[in-house]
Amino acid sequence: MYTSDSYEELQTSETKCPVCGGTNIIYDPERGQYACGECGTVLTEKAVDQGPEWRAFTPEEREKRSRVGSPITPTVHDKGLSTVIDWRDKDALGRRLEPKRRLEVLRWRKWQIRTRIQSSMDRNLAQAMNELDRIASQLALPRSVREEAAVIYRKAVERGLVRGRSIESVMAASIYAACRRLKVPRTLDEIVKYTKANRKDVARCYRLLLRELTVRVPIADPTDYVPRIGSLLGLGGSTLRRAAEILKMARDRGITAGKDPAGLAAAAIYIASLQEDERRTQKEIAQVAGVTEVTVRNRYKELVRELNIPLPPQ
C-alpha cells in the first residue's frame, strides 16, 4: 500500500494507481483518503483539508461565514488594509451595546480614524481618492478606469508632481489618461465639467503626466466614440455598424489623421443616419458628441467628398 502525508505529492506525480495502473482516483473526505476506484488501493491517507473548517450550502451562508476581508484596491488611500470599526454599536450577536461600552467603542472609532491618516501623503491620497470617486460616479466610469487612474495618481505623488499643483487638476488629468489608456470614450471637457479646476490647468497636468511618468497612451480611435454617441441618440445597430464602416474607410484613406475623433464619429453617425433612414439633425448629434455644429458639418462634407458616399435626397 502506498501512503503519503502530503496531498501535494499526489498532485505533482502522475495520478495512477501503482498496483493496477488505473486513473480512476476517488477522494473520501471523511477519512482523508485517496483510493483507486479499480482495485481499492489506498494511495494517500491523512490528507490535509485545504478548505475552511465550516460548511455552507448556499451562497448566502458562504458569504456570512467567510472571514476574509475585501481585496486590496488602489482606489482607497491605504489600499483597504486598515480595520474599520462598525458604526452601528452592536456586538457579534447583533445586540445593542451598553452605554458605557458604547462610549468606549466611540473612542476606539475616533482613534482608529485618526491613525488611518498619519502623514501628509496619506492626507493627500485620502482627498484625491474622494475626488476620484466623485468624478467617476458622475461620469459612470467602470472600475478598471478608477483603478488605473488611482495608480497613475499614486505614481505622480511618489514622483512629487502634485506639489505646487491642485489635487483636483492632477486627479482629473489622471482620470483622462486612464480613459485614454483603456479606450473609454470621455473627452477632456466632460471631465473638466465635474471638477473645480479649469481646462487649461488639467490639460497642462495631463501633458506633465505623459512626460514625467512615461504613460503610454494609444491614439484615440473615432470608432470608440460611436457606440456611446449612438446609444445617447437611440440609434439602431445597423446605423452604428454603417458609421463604423465609414470611419474604417476614412482611416484606410488617411483622412482621420489630425482630426478630432469625436467630431469624426459625429459626422460618420450623421451620414449613417441619413443612409439608414434614422435621421438626426446635426445640432442633436453635436450636442451629444460634445462638439460644435460647424465641426460636424465640416467633417461631414469632407467624408462625403473624399469617400464619394452616395446620400439619399434630403
C-alpha atoms as a PDB file:
ATOM      1  CA  MET A   1       0.000   0.000   0.000  1.00  0.00           C
ATOM      2  CA  TYR A   2       1.289   3.453  -0.946  1.00  0.00           C
ATOM      3  CA  THR A   3       0.721   6.177   1.652  1.00  0.00           C
ATOM      4  CA  SER A   4       1.728   9.824   1.908  1.00  0.00           C
ATOM      5  CA  ASP A   5       1.111  12.569   4.443  1.00  0.00           C
ATOM      6  CA  SER A   6       1.062  15.246   1.760  1.00  0.00           C
ATOM      7  CA  TYR A   7      -1.620  15.610  -0.854  1.00  0.00           C
ATOM      8  CA  GLU A   8       0.778  17.742  -2.934  1.00  0.00           C
ATOM      9  CA  GLU A   9       2.836  14.618  -3.684  1.00  0.00           C
ATOM     10  CA  LEU A  10      -0.168  13.013  -5.286  1.00  0.00           C
ATOM     11  CA  GLN A  11      -0.925  16.157  -7.274  1.00  0.00           C
ATOM     12  CA  THR A  12       2.596  16.622  -8.631  1.00  0.00           C
ATOM     13  CA  SER A  13       3.084  12.948  -9.507  1.00  0.00           C
ATOM     14  CA  GLU A  14       1.099  11.092 -12.143  1.00  0.00           C
ATOM     15  CA  THR A  15      -2.243  10.182 -10.569  1.00  0.00           C
ATOM     16  CA  LYS A  16      -2.118   6.498 -11.445  1.00  0.00           C
ATOM     17  CA  CYS A  17      -2.537   3.515  -9.208  1.00  0.00           C
ATOM     18  CA  PRO A  18       0.878   1.868  -8.638  1.00  0.00           C
ATOM     19  CA  VAL A  19      -0.801  -1.570  -8.465  1.00  0.00           C
ATOM     20  CA  CYS A  20      -3.188  -1.722 -11.411  1.00  0.00           C
ATOM     21  CA  GLY A  21      -2.278   1.483 -13.275  1.00  0.00           C
ATOM     22  CA  GLY A  22      -5.831   2.804 -13.145  1.00  0.00           C
ATOM     23  CA  THR A  23      -6.568   6.528 -13.250  1.00  0.00           C
ATOM     24  CA  ASN A  24      -9.971   6.456 -11.508  1.00  0.00           C
ATOM     25  CA  ILE A  25      -8.866   8.050  -8.217  1.00  0.00           C
ATOM     26  CA  ILE A  26     -11.601   8.604  -5.605  1.00  0.00           C
ATOM     27  CA  TYR A  27     -11.346  11.009  -2.664  1.00  0.00           C
ATOM     28  CA  ASP A  28     -13.036  10.163   0.659  1.00  0.00           C
ATOM     29  CA  PRO A  29     -13.360  13.485   2.578  1.00  0.00           C
ATOM     30  CA  GLU A  30     -14.453  11.808   5.847  1.00  0.00           C
ATOM     31  CA  ARG A  31     -11.313   9.652   6.094  1.00  0.00           C
ATOM     32  CA  GLY A  32      -8.983  11.966   4.179  1.00  0.00           C
ATOM     33  CA  GLN A  33      -8.006   9.165   1.791  1.00  0.00           C
ATOM     34  CA  TYR A  34      -7.368   8.898  -1.920  1.00  0.00           C
ATOM     35  CA  ALA A  35      -8.040   5.409  -3.212  1.00  0.00           C
ATOM     36  CA  CYS A  36      -8.035   3.658  -6.572  1.00  0.00           C
ATOM     37  CA  GLY A  37     -11.549   3.089  -7.869  1.00  0.00           C
ATOM     38  CA  GLU A  38     -10.482  -0.053  -9.737  1.00  0.00           C
ATOM     39  CA  CYS A  39      -8.629  -2.178  -7.174  1.00  0.00           C
ATOM     40  CA  GLY A  40      -9.252  -0.220  -3.942  1.00  0.00           C
ATOM     41  CA  THR A  41      -5.601   0.520  -3.167  1.00  0.00           C
ATOM     42  CA  VAL A  42      -5.212   3.484  -0.800  1.00  0.00           C
ATOM     43  CA  LEU A  43      -2.860   5.973  -2.450  1.00  0.00           C
ATOM     44  CA  THR A  44      -2.862   8.726   0.189  1.00  0.00           C
ATOM     45  CA  GLU A  45      -4.222   8.882   3.695  1.00  0.00           C
ATOM     46  CA  LYS A  46      -4.414  11.672   6.290  1.00  0.00           C
ATOM     47  CA  ALA A  47      -4.741  14.237   3.507  1.00  0.00           C
ATOM     48  CA  VAL A  48      -4.969  17.786   4.832  1.00  0.00           C
ATOM     49  CA  ASP A  49      -8.267  19.532   4.035  1.00  0.00           C
ATOM     50  CA  GLN A  50      -7.340  22.853   2.425  1.00  0.00           C
ATOM     51  CA  GLY A  51     -10.841  24.330   2.838  1.00  0.00           C
ATOM     52  CA  PRO A  52     -12.431  26.173   5.788  1.00  0.00           C
ATOM     53  CA  GLU A  53     -13.467  24.423   8.982  1.00  0.00           C
ATOM     54  CA  TRP A  54     -17.122  25.427   8.455  1.00  0.00           C
ATOM     55  CA  ARG A  55     -19.674  24.195   5.939  1.00  0.00           C
ATOM     56  CA  ALA A  56     -22.088  26.235   3.841  1.00  0.00           C
ATOM     57  CA  PHE A  57     -24.803  25.027   1.484  1.00  0.00           C
ATOM     58  CA  THR A  58     -25.951  28.317  -0.095  1.00  0.00           C
ATOM     59  CA  PRO A  59     -24.099  31.386  -1.389  1.00  0.00           C
ATOM     60  CA  GLU A  60     -25.691  33.460   1.397  1.00  0.00           C
ATOM     61  CA  GLU A  61     -24.359  31.142   4.102  1.00  0.00           C
ATOM     62  CA  ARG A  62     -20.921  31.111   2.491  1.00  0.00           C
ATOM     63  CA  GLU A  63     -20.809  34.913   2.416  1.00  0.00           C
ATOM     64  CA  LYS A  64     -21.913  35.226   6.053  1.00  0.00           C
ATOM     65  CA  ARG A  65     -19.421  32.689   7.399  1.00  0.00           C
ATOM     66  CA  SER A  66     -16.450  33.842   5.350  1.00  0.00           C
ATOM     67  CA  ARG A  67     -13.892  35.756   7.408  1.00  0.00           C
ATOM     68  CA  VAL A  68     -11.811  37.262   4.634  1.00  0.00           C
ATOM     69  CA  GLY A  69     -11.790  40.997   4.001  1.00  0.00           C
ATOM     70  CA  SER A  70     -12.254  42.954   0.824  1.00  0.00           C
ATOM     71  CA  PRO A  71      -9.492  42.707  -1.820  1.00  0.00           C
ATOM     72  CA  ILE A  72      -6.685  45.245  -1.970  1.00  0.00           C
ATOM     73  CA  THR A  73      -7.628  48.180  -4.179  1.00  0.00           C
ATOM     74  CA  PRO A  74      -5.613  51.275  -5.163  1.00  0.00           C
ATOM     75  CA  THR A  75      -8.788  53.416  -5.077  1.00  0.00           C
ATOM     76  CA  VAL A  76      -8.545  53.690  -1.259  1.00  0.00           C
ATOM     77  CA  HIS A  77      -5.709  55.742   0.205  1.00  0.00           C
ATOM     78  CA  ASP A  78      -4.499  52.847   2.416  1.00  0.00           C
ATOM     79  CA  LYS A  79      -5.416  50.225  -0.238  1.00  0.00           C
ATOM     80  CA  GLY A  80      -8.149  48.873   2.018  1.00  0.00           C
ATOM     81  CA  LEU A  81      -5.777  47.289   4.549  1.00  0.00           C
ATOM     82  CA  SER A  82      -6.949  49.181   7.626  1.00  0.00           C
ATOM     83  CA  THR A  83      -9.545  47.959  10.102  1.00  0.00           C
ATOM     84  CA  VAL A  84     -12.959  49.609  10.095  1.00  0.00           C
ATOM     85  CA  ILE A  85     -14.945  49.753  13.344  1.00  0.00           C
ATOM     86  CA  ASP A  86     -18.647  49.457  12.611  1.00  0.00           C
ATOM     87  CA  TRP A  87     -20.829  52.469  13.428  1.00  0.00           C
ATOM     88  CA  ARG A  88     -23.944  50.504  14.443  1.00  0.00           C
ATOM     89  CA  ASP A  89     -22.766  49.877  18.036  1.00  0.00           C
ATOM     90  CA  LYS A  90     -23.746  46.211  18.084  1.00  0.00           C
ATOM     91  CA  ASP A  91     -21.891  43.123  19.239  1.00  0.00           C
ATOM     92  CA  ALA A  92     -21.246  39.920  17.285  1.00  0.00           C
ATOM     93  CA  LEU A  93     -24.766  38.643  18.099  1.00  0.00           C
ATOM     94  CA  GLY A  94     -26.443  41.831  16.879  1.00  0.00           C
ATOM     95  CA  ARG A  95     -27.344  43.105  20.355  1.00  0.00           C
ATOM     96  CA  ARG A  96     -27.100  46.786  21.268  1.00  0.00           C
ATOM     97  CA  LEU A  97     -24.088  47.713  23.348  1.00  0.00           C
ATOM     98  CA  GLU A  98     -24.444  49.084  26.843  1.00  0.00           C
ATOM     99  CA  PRO A  99     -23.986  52.889  27.190  1.00  0.00           C
ATOM    100  CA  LYS A 100     -20.621  52.514  28.916  1.00  0.00           C
ATOM    101  CA  ARG A 101     -19.327  50.113  26.249  1.00  0.00           C
ATOM    102  CA  ARG A 102     -20.757  52.359  23.524  1.00  0.00           C
ATOM    103  CA  LEU A 103     -18.675  55.306  24.710  1.00  0.00           C
ATOM    104  CA  GLU A 104     -15.609  53.089  24.756  1.00  0.00           C
ATOM    105  CA  VAL A 105     -16.228  51.907  21.191  1.00  0.00           C
ATOM    106  CA  LEU A 106     -16.788  55.529  20.139  1.00  0.00           C
ATOM    107  CA  ARG A 107     -13.340  56.379  21.485  1.00  0.00           C
ATOM    108  CA  TRP A 108     -11.855  53.407  19.623  1.00  0.00           C
ATOM    109  CA  ARG A 109     -13.501  54.524  16.397  1.00  0.00           C
ATOM    110  CA  LYS A 110     -12.217  58.083  16.787  1.00  0.00           C
ATOM    111  CA  TRP A 111      -8.620  56.967  17.271  1.00  0.00           C
ATOM    112  CA  GLN A 112      -8.898  54.395  14.514  1.00  0.00           C
ATOM    113  CA  ILE A 113      -9.936  57.123  12.055  1.00  0.00           C
ATOM    114  CA  ARG A 114      -7.045  59.319  13.206  1.00  0.00           C
ATOM    115  CA  THR A 115      -4.457  56.563  12.846  1.00  0.00           C
ATOM    116  CA  ARG A 116      -5.510  55.804   9.261  1.00  0.00           C
ATOM    117  CA  ILE A 117      -4.090  59.162   8.137  1.00  0.00           C
ATOM    118  CA  GLN A 118      -0.652  59.774   9.652  1.00  0.00           C
ATOM    119  CA  SER A 119       1.375  61.666   7.063  1.00  0.00           C
ATOM    120  CA  SER A 120       0.831  64.426   4.539  1.00  0.00           C
ATOM    121  CA  MET A 121       0.918  61.852   1.745  1.00  0.00           C
ATOM    122  CA  ASP A 122      -1.933  59.940   3.408  1.00  0.00           C
ATOM    123  CA  ARG A 123      -3.983  63.125   3.637  1.00  0.00           C
ATOM    124  CA  ASN A 124      -3.255  63.934   0.010  1.00  0.00           C
ATOM    125  CA  LEU A 125      -4.256  60.450  -1.146  1.00  0.00           C
ATOM    126  CA  ALA A 126      -7.401  60.421   1.000  1.00  0.00           C
ATOM    127  CA  GLN A 127      -8.591  63.707  -0.507  1.00  0.00           C
ATOM    128  CA  ALA A 128      -7.627  62.637  -4.031  1.00  0.00           C
ATOM    129  CA  MET A 129      -9.434  59.281  -3.783  1.00  0.00           C
ATOM    130  CA  ASN A 130     -12.593  61.050  -2.620  1.00  0.00           C
ATOM    131  CA  GLU A 131     -12.306  63.303  -5.657  1.00  0.00           C
ATOM    132  CA  LEU A 132     -11.764  60.253  -7.883  1.00  0.00           C
ATOM    133  CA  ASP A 133     -14.852  58.539  -6.509  1.00  0.00           C
ATOM    134  CA  ARG A 134     -16.964  61.665  -7.030  1.00  0.00           C
ATOM    135  CA  ILE A 135     -15.897  62.311 -10.644  1.00  0.00           C
ATOM    136  CA  ALA A 136     -16.064  58.625 -11.595  1.00  0.00           C
ATOM    137  CA  SER A 137     -19.602  58.394 -10.228  1.00  0.00           C
ATOM    138  CA  GLN A 138     -20.673  61.455 -12.208  1.00  0.00           C
ATOM    139  CA  LEU A 139     -19.188  60.048 -15.431  1.00  0.00           C
ATOM    140  CA  ALA A 140     -20.290  56.429 -14.750  1.00  0.00           C
ATOM    141  CA  LEU A 141     -16.741  55.151 -15.254  1.00  0.00           C
ATOM    142  CA  PRO A 142     -16.045  51.412 -14.853  1.00  0.00           C
ATOM    143  CA  ARG A 143     -13.956  50.069 -12.001  1.00  0.00           C
ATOM    144  CA  SER A 144     -10.990  49.364 -14.278  1.00  0.00           C
ATOM    145  CA  VAL A 145     -10.716  53.073 -15.143  1.00  0.00           C
ATOM    146  CA  ARG A 146     -10.924  54.068 -11.466  1.00  0.00           C
ATOM    147  CA  GLU A 147      -8.112  51.717 -10.516  1.00  0.00           C
ATOM    148  CA  GLU A 148      -5.944  52.826 -13.449  1.00  0.00           C
ATOM    149  CA  ALA A 149      -6.472  56.488 -12.534  1.00  0.00           C
ATOM    150  CA  ALA A 150      -5.606  55.752  -8.893  1.00  0.00           C
ATOM    151  CA  VAL A 151      -2.374  54.009  -9.935  1.00  0.00           C
ATOM    152  CA  ILE A 152      -1.372  56.943 -12.165  1.00  0.00           C
ATOM    153  CA  TYR A 153      -2.076  59.455  -9.386  1.00  0.00           C
ATOM    154  CA  ARG A 154      -0.069  57.421  -6.837  1.00  0.00           C
ATOM    155  CA  LYS A 155       2.902  57.440  -9.202  1.00  0.00           C
ATOM    156  CA  ALA A 156       2.551  61.208  -9.550  1.00  0.00           C
ATOM    157  CA  VAL A 157       2.566  61.610  -5.758  1.00  0.00           C
ATOM    158  CA  GLU A 158       5.653  59.409  -5.409  1.00  0.00           C
ATOM    159  CA  ARG A 159       7.487  61.483  -8.039  1.00  0.00           C
ATOM    160  CA  GLY A 160       6.476  64.743  -6.343  1.00  0.00           C
ATOM    161  CA  LEU A 161       4.458  66.014  -9.293  1.00  0.00           C
ATOM    162  CA  VAL A 162       1.469  67.050  -7.168  1.00  0.00           C
ATOM    163  CA  ARG A 163       3.467  69.511  -5.055  1.00  0.00           C
ATOM    164  CA  GLY A 164       2.519  73.047  -6.064  1.00  0.00           C
ATOM    165  CA  ARG A 165      -0.492  71.901  -8.100  1.00  0.00           C
ATOM    166  CA  SER A 166      -4.105  71.410  -7.119  1.00  0.00           C
ATOM    167  CA  ILE A 167      -5.235  67.881  -6.288  1.00  0.00           C
ATOM    168  CA  GLU A 168      -8.353  68.346  -8.442  1.00  0.00           C
ATOM    169  CA  SER A 169      -6.415  69.172 -11.612  1.00  0.00           C
ATOM    170  CA  VAL A 170      -3.909  66.301 -11.232  1.00  0.00           C
ATOM    171  CA  MET A 171      -6.672  63.801 -10.442  1.00  0.00           C
ATOM    172  CA  ALA A 172      -8.749  64.972 -13.416  1.00  0.00           C
ATOM    173  CA  ALA A 173      -5.674  64.570 -15.640  1.00  0.00           C
ATOM    174  CA  SER A 174      -5.127  61.072 -14.226  1.00  0.00           C
ATOM    175  CA  ILE A 175      -8.737  60.129 -14.990  1.00  0.00           C
ATOM    176  CA  TYR A 176      -8.409  61.422 -18.551  1.00  0.00           C
ATOM    177  CA  ALA A 177      -5.153  59.477 -19.029  1.00  0.00           C
ATOM    178  CA  ALA A 178      -6.818  56.307 -17.674  1.00  0.00           C
ATOM    179  CA  CYS A 179      -9.750  56.759 -20.067  1.00  0.00           C
ATOM    180  CA  ARG A 180      -7.355  57.176 -22.982  1.00  0.00           C
ATOM    181  CA  ARG A 181      -5.306  54.135 -21.960  1.00  0.00           C
ATOM    182  CA  LEU A 182      -8.343  51.863 -21.587  1.00  0.00           C
ATOM    183  CA  LYS A 183     -10.146  53.338 -24.616  1.00  0.00           C
ATOM    184  CA  VAL A 184     -13.148  54.598 -22.671  1.00  0.00           C
ATOM    185  CA  PRO A 185     -14.592  57.488 -24.730  1.00  0.00           C
ATOM    186  CA  ARG A 186     -14.568  60.526 -22.429  1.00  0.00           C
ATOM    187  CA  THR A 187     -13.414  63.922 -23.608  1.00  0.00           C
ATOM    188  CA  LEU A 188     -11.363  66.340 -21.532  1.00  0.00           C
ATOM    189  CA  ASP A 189     -14.259  68.808 -21.476  1.00  0.00           C
ATOM    190  CA  GLU A 190     -16.577  66.196 -19.969  1.00  0.00           C
ATOM    191  CA  ILE A 191     -14.144  65.508 -17.136  1.00  0.00           C
ATOM    192  CA  VAL A 192     -13.425  69.194 -16.513  1.00  0.00           C
ATOM    193  CA  LYS A 193     -17.158  69.879 -16.204  1.00  0.00           C
ATOM    194  CA  TYR A 194     -17.277  67.917 -12.915  1.00  0.00           C
ATOM    195  CA  THR A 195     -14.189  69.389 -11.277  1.00  0.00           C
ATOM    196  CA  LYS A 196     -13.220  72.766  -9.821  1.00  0.00           C
ATOM    197  CA  ALA A 197     -10.067  73.056 -11.918  1.00  0.00           C
ATOM    198  CA  ASN A 198     -10.186  74.833 -15.261  1.00  0.00           C
ATOM    199  CA  ARG A 199      -9.475  73.138 -18.564  1.00  0.00           C
ATOM    200  CA  LYS A 200      -6.097  74.812 -19.071  1.00  0.00           C
ATOM    201  CA  ASP A 201      -4.689  73.507 -15.762  1.00  0.00           C
ATOM    202  CA  VAL A 202      -5.999  69.965 -16.361  1.00  0.00           C
ATOM    203  CA  ALA A 203      -4.514  69.890 -19.870  1.00  0.00           C
ATOM    204  CA  ARG A 204      -1.167  71.116 -18.517  1.00  0.00           C
ATOM    205  CA  CYS A 205      -1.162  68.421 -15.800  1.00  0.00           C
ATOM    206  CA  TYR A 206      -2.088  65.778 -18.385  1.00  0.00           C
ATOM    207  CA  ARG A 207       0.911  66.668 -20.532  1.00  0.00           C
ATOM    208  CA  LEU A 208       3.089  66.641 -17.406  1.00  0.00           C
ATOM    209  CA  LEU A 209       1.935  63.102 -16.508  1.00  0.00           C
ATOM    210  CA  LEU A 210       2.641  61.854 -20.011  1.00  0.00           C
ATOM    211  CA  ARG A 211       6.119  63.386 -19.968  1.00  0.00           C
ATOM    212  CA  GLU A 212       7.283  62.560 -16.433  1.00  0.00           C
ATOM    213  CA  LEU A 213       5.595  59.176 -15.877  1.00  0.00           C
ATOM    214  CA  THR A 214       6.057  57.948 -19.467  1.00  0.00           C
ATOM    215  CA  VAL A 215       2.387  56.926 -19.593  1.00  0.00           C
ATOM    216  CA  ARG A 216       1.785  55.250 -22.932  1.00  0.00           C
ATOM    217  CA  VAL A 217      -1.498  56.492 -24.385  1.00  0.00           C
ATOM    218  CA  PRO A 218      -2.774  54.977 -27.656  1.00  0.00           C
ATOM    219  CA  ILE A 219      -4.030  57.205 -30.437  1.00  0.00           C
ATOM    220  CA  ALA A 220      -7.705  57.961 -29.990  1.00  0.00           C
ATOM    221  CA  ASP A 221      -9.880  55.930 -32.362  1.00  0.00           C
ATOM    222  CA  PRO A 222     -13.093  57.633 -33.583  1.00  0.00           C
ATOM    223  CA  THR A 223     -14.787  54.216 -33.671  1.00  0.00           C
ATOM    224  CA  ASP A 224     -14.641  54.073 -29.863  1.00  0.00           C
ATOM    225  CA  TYR A 225     -17.000  57.072 -29.703  1.00  0.00           C
ATOM    226  CA  VAL A 226     -19.644  55.562 -31.998  1.00  0.00           C
ATOM    227  CA  PRO A 227     -21.436  53.224 -29.502  1.00  0.00           C
ATOM    228  CA  ARG A 228     -21.710  55.902 -26.822  1.00  0.00           C
ATOM    229  CA  ILE A 229     -22.990  58.646 -29.160  1.00  0.00           C
ATOM    230  CA  GLY A 230     -25.346  56.205 -30.865  1.00  0.00           C
ATOM    231  CA  SER A 231     -26.823  54.949 -27.592  1.00  0.00           C
ATOM    232  CA  LEU A 232     -27.468  58.516 -26.386  1.00  0.00           C
ATOM    233  CA  LEU A 233     -29.252  59.247 -29.675  1.00  0.00           C
ATOM    234  CA  GLY A 234     -31.228  55.996 -29.578  1.00  0.00           C
ATOM    235  CA  LEU A 235     -29.906  54.754 -32.945  1.00  0.00           C
ATOM    236  CA  GLY A 236     -30.162  51.167 -34.134  1.00  0.00           C
ATOM    237  CA  GLY A 237     -27.370  48.658 -34.630  1.00  0.00           C
ATOM    238  CA  SER A 238     -27.382  48.935 -38.432  1.00  0.00           C
ATOM    239  CA  THR A 239     -26.747  52.681 -38.232  1.00  0.00           C
ATOM    240  CA  LEU A 240     -23.866  52.255 -35.801  1.00  0.00           C
ATOM    241  CA  ARG A 241     -22.377  49.487 -37.924  1.00  0.00           C
ATOM    242  CA  ARG A 242     -22.567  51.693 -41.015  1.00  0.00           C
ATOM    243  CA  ALA A 243     -20.893  54.554 -39.129  1.00  0.00           C
ATOM    244  CA  ALA A 244     -18.057  52.233 -38.099  1.00  0.00           C
ATOM    245  CA  GLU A 245     -17.623  51.160 -41.733  1.00  0.00           C
ATOM    246  CA  ILE A 246     -17.411  54.791 -42.853  1.00  0.00           C
ATOM    247  CA  LEU A 247     -14.741  55.520 -40.239  1.00  0.00           C
ATOM    248  CA  LYS A 248     -12.771  52.435 -41.304  1.00  0.00           C
ATOM    249  CA  MET A 249     -12.788  53.597 -44.934  1.00  0.00           C
ATOM    250  CA  ALA A 250     -11.689  57.075 -43.805  1.00  0.00           C
ATOM    251  CA  ARG A 251      -8.856  55.620 -41.738  1.00  0.00           C
ATOM    252  CA  ASP A 252      -7.670  53.494 -44.676  1.00  0.00           C
ATOM    253  CA  ARG A 253      -7.617  56.614 -46.864  1.00  0.00           C
ATOM    254  CA  GLY A 254      -5.672  58.585 -44.217  1.00  0.00           C
ATOM    255  CA  ILE A 255      -8.415  61.167 -43.679  1.00  0.00           C
ATOM    256  CA  THR A 256      -8.642  60.778 -39.905  1.00  0.00           C
ATOM    257  CA  ALA A 257      -5.093  61.935 -39.159  1.00  0.00           C
ATOM    258  CA  GLY A 258      -5.009  65.093 -37.063  1.00  0.00           C
ATOM    259  CA  LYS A 259      -8.795  65.323 -36.715  1.00  0.00           C
ATOM    260  CA  ASP A 260     -10.851  65.366 -33.514  1.00  0.00           C
ATOM    261  CA  PRO A 261     -12.106  61.767 -33.034  1.00  0.00           C
ATOM    262  CA  ALA A 262     -15.407  62.910 -31.508  1.00  0.00           C
ATOM    263  CA  GLY A 263     -16.073  65.187 -34.487  1.00  0.00           C
ATOM    264  CA  LEU A 264     -15.282  62.404 -36.974  1.00  0.00           C
ATOM    265  CA  ALA A 265     -17.535  59.970 -35.124  1.00  0.00           C
ATOM    266  CA  ALA A 266     -20.348  62.516 -35.050  1.00  0.00           C
ATOM    267  CA  ALA A 267     -20.035  63.155 -38.811  1.00  0.00           C
ATOM    268  CA  ALA A 268     -19.984  59.424 -39.594  1.00  0.00           C
ATOM    269  CA  ILE A 269     -23.086  58.891 -37.461  1.00  0.00           C
ATOM    270  CA  TYR A 270     -24.832  61.760 -39.264  1.00  0.00           C
ATOM    271  CA  ILE A 271     -24.068  60.202 -42.659  1.00  0.00           C
ATOM    272  CA  ALA A 272     -25.128  56.738 -41.458  1.00  0.00           C
ATOM    273  CA  SER A 273     -28.384  58.112 -40.024  1.00  0.00           C
ATOM    274  CA  LEU A 274     -29.223  59.576 -43.433  1.00  0.00           C
ATOM    275  CA  GLN A 275     -28.410  56.339 -45.257  1.00  0.00           C
ATOM    276  CA  GLU A 276     -30.295  54.111 -42.789  1.00  0.00           C
ATOM    277  CA  ASP A 277     -33.289  56.492 -42.579  1.00  0.00           C
ATOM    278  CA  GLU A 278     -32.830  57.182 -38.857  1.00  0.00           C
ATOM    279  CA  ARG A 279     -32.447  60.886 -39.343  1.00  0.00           C
ATOM    280  CA  ARG A 280     -30.944  63.073 -36.625  1.00  0.00           C
ATOM    281  CA  THR A 281     -30.085  66.732 -37.017  1.00  0.00           C
ATOM    282  CA  GLN A 282     -26.530  67.997 -36.896  1.00  0.00           C
ATOM    283  CA  LYS A 283     -27.439  70.010 -33.809  1.00  0.00           C
ATOM    284  CA  GLU A 284     -28.639  66.913 -31.907  1.00  0.00           C
ATOM    285  CA  ILE A 285     -25.535  64.923 -32.809  1.00  0.00           C
ATOM    286  CA  ALA A 286     -23.200  67.815 -31.976  1.00  0.00           C
ATOM    287  CA  GLN A 287     -24.727  68.289 -28.527  1.00  0.00           C
ATOM    288  CA  VAL A 288     -24.365  64.590 -27.657  1.00  0.00           C
ATOM    289  CA  ALA A 289     -20.825  64.323 -29.069  1.00  0.00           C
ATOM    290  CA  GLY A 290     -19.631  67.479 -27.292  1.00  0.00           C
ATOM    291  CA  VAL A 291     -18.556  69.286 -30.468  1.00  0.00           C
ATOM    292  CA  THR A 292     -19.913  72.238 -32.441  1.00  0.00           C
ATOM    293  CA  GLU A 293     -22.290  72.069 -35.385  1.00  0.00           C
ATOM    294  CA  VAL A 294     -19.582  73.624 -37.561  1.00  0.00           C
ATOM    295  CA  THR A 295     -17.244  70.727 -36.761  1.00  0.00           C
ATOM    296  CA  VAL A 296     -19.900  68.148 -37.660  1.00  0.00           C
ATOM    297  CA  ARG A 297     -20.716  69.999 -40.897  1.00  0.00           C
ATOM    298  CA  ASN A 298     -17.074  70.310 -41.979  1.00  0.00           C
ATOM    299  CA  ARG A 299     -16.221  66.676 -41.203  1.00  0.00           C
ATOM    300  CA  TYR A 300     -19.435  65.543 -42.898  1.00  0.00           C
ATOM    301  CA  LYS A 301     -18.635  67.402 -46.123  1.00  0.00           C
ATOM    302  CA  GLU A 302     -15.056  66.147 -46.061  1.00  0.00           C
ATOM    303  CA  LEU A 303     -16.069  62.491 -45.624  1.00  0.00           C
ATOM    304  CA  VAL A 304     -18.696  62.679 -48.367  1.00  0.00           C
ATOM    305  CA  ARG A 305     -16.246  64.355 -50.765  1.00  0.00           C
ATOM    306  CA  GLU A 306     -13.223  62.128 -50.102  1.00  0.00           C
ATOM    307  CA  LEU A 307     -15.073  58.794 -49.900  1.00  0.00           C
ATOM    308  CA  ASN A 308     -17.670  59.533 -52.650  1.00  0.00           C
ATOM    309  CA  ILE A 309     -20.503  58.464 -50.362  1.00  0.00           C
ATOM    310  CA  PRO A 310     -23.920  58.484 -52.037  1.00  0.00           C
ATOM    311  CA  LEU A 311     -26.625  60.173 -49.965  1.00  0.00           C
ATOM    312  CA  PRO A 312     -30.406  59.920 -50.254  1.00  0.00           C
ATOM    313  CA  PRO A 313     -32.309  63.075 -51.202  1.00  0.00           C
ATOM    314  CA  GLN A 314     -32.805  65.339 -48.208  1.00  0.00           C
END
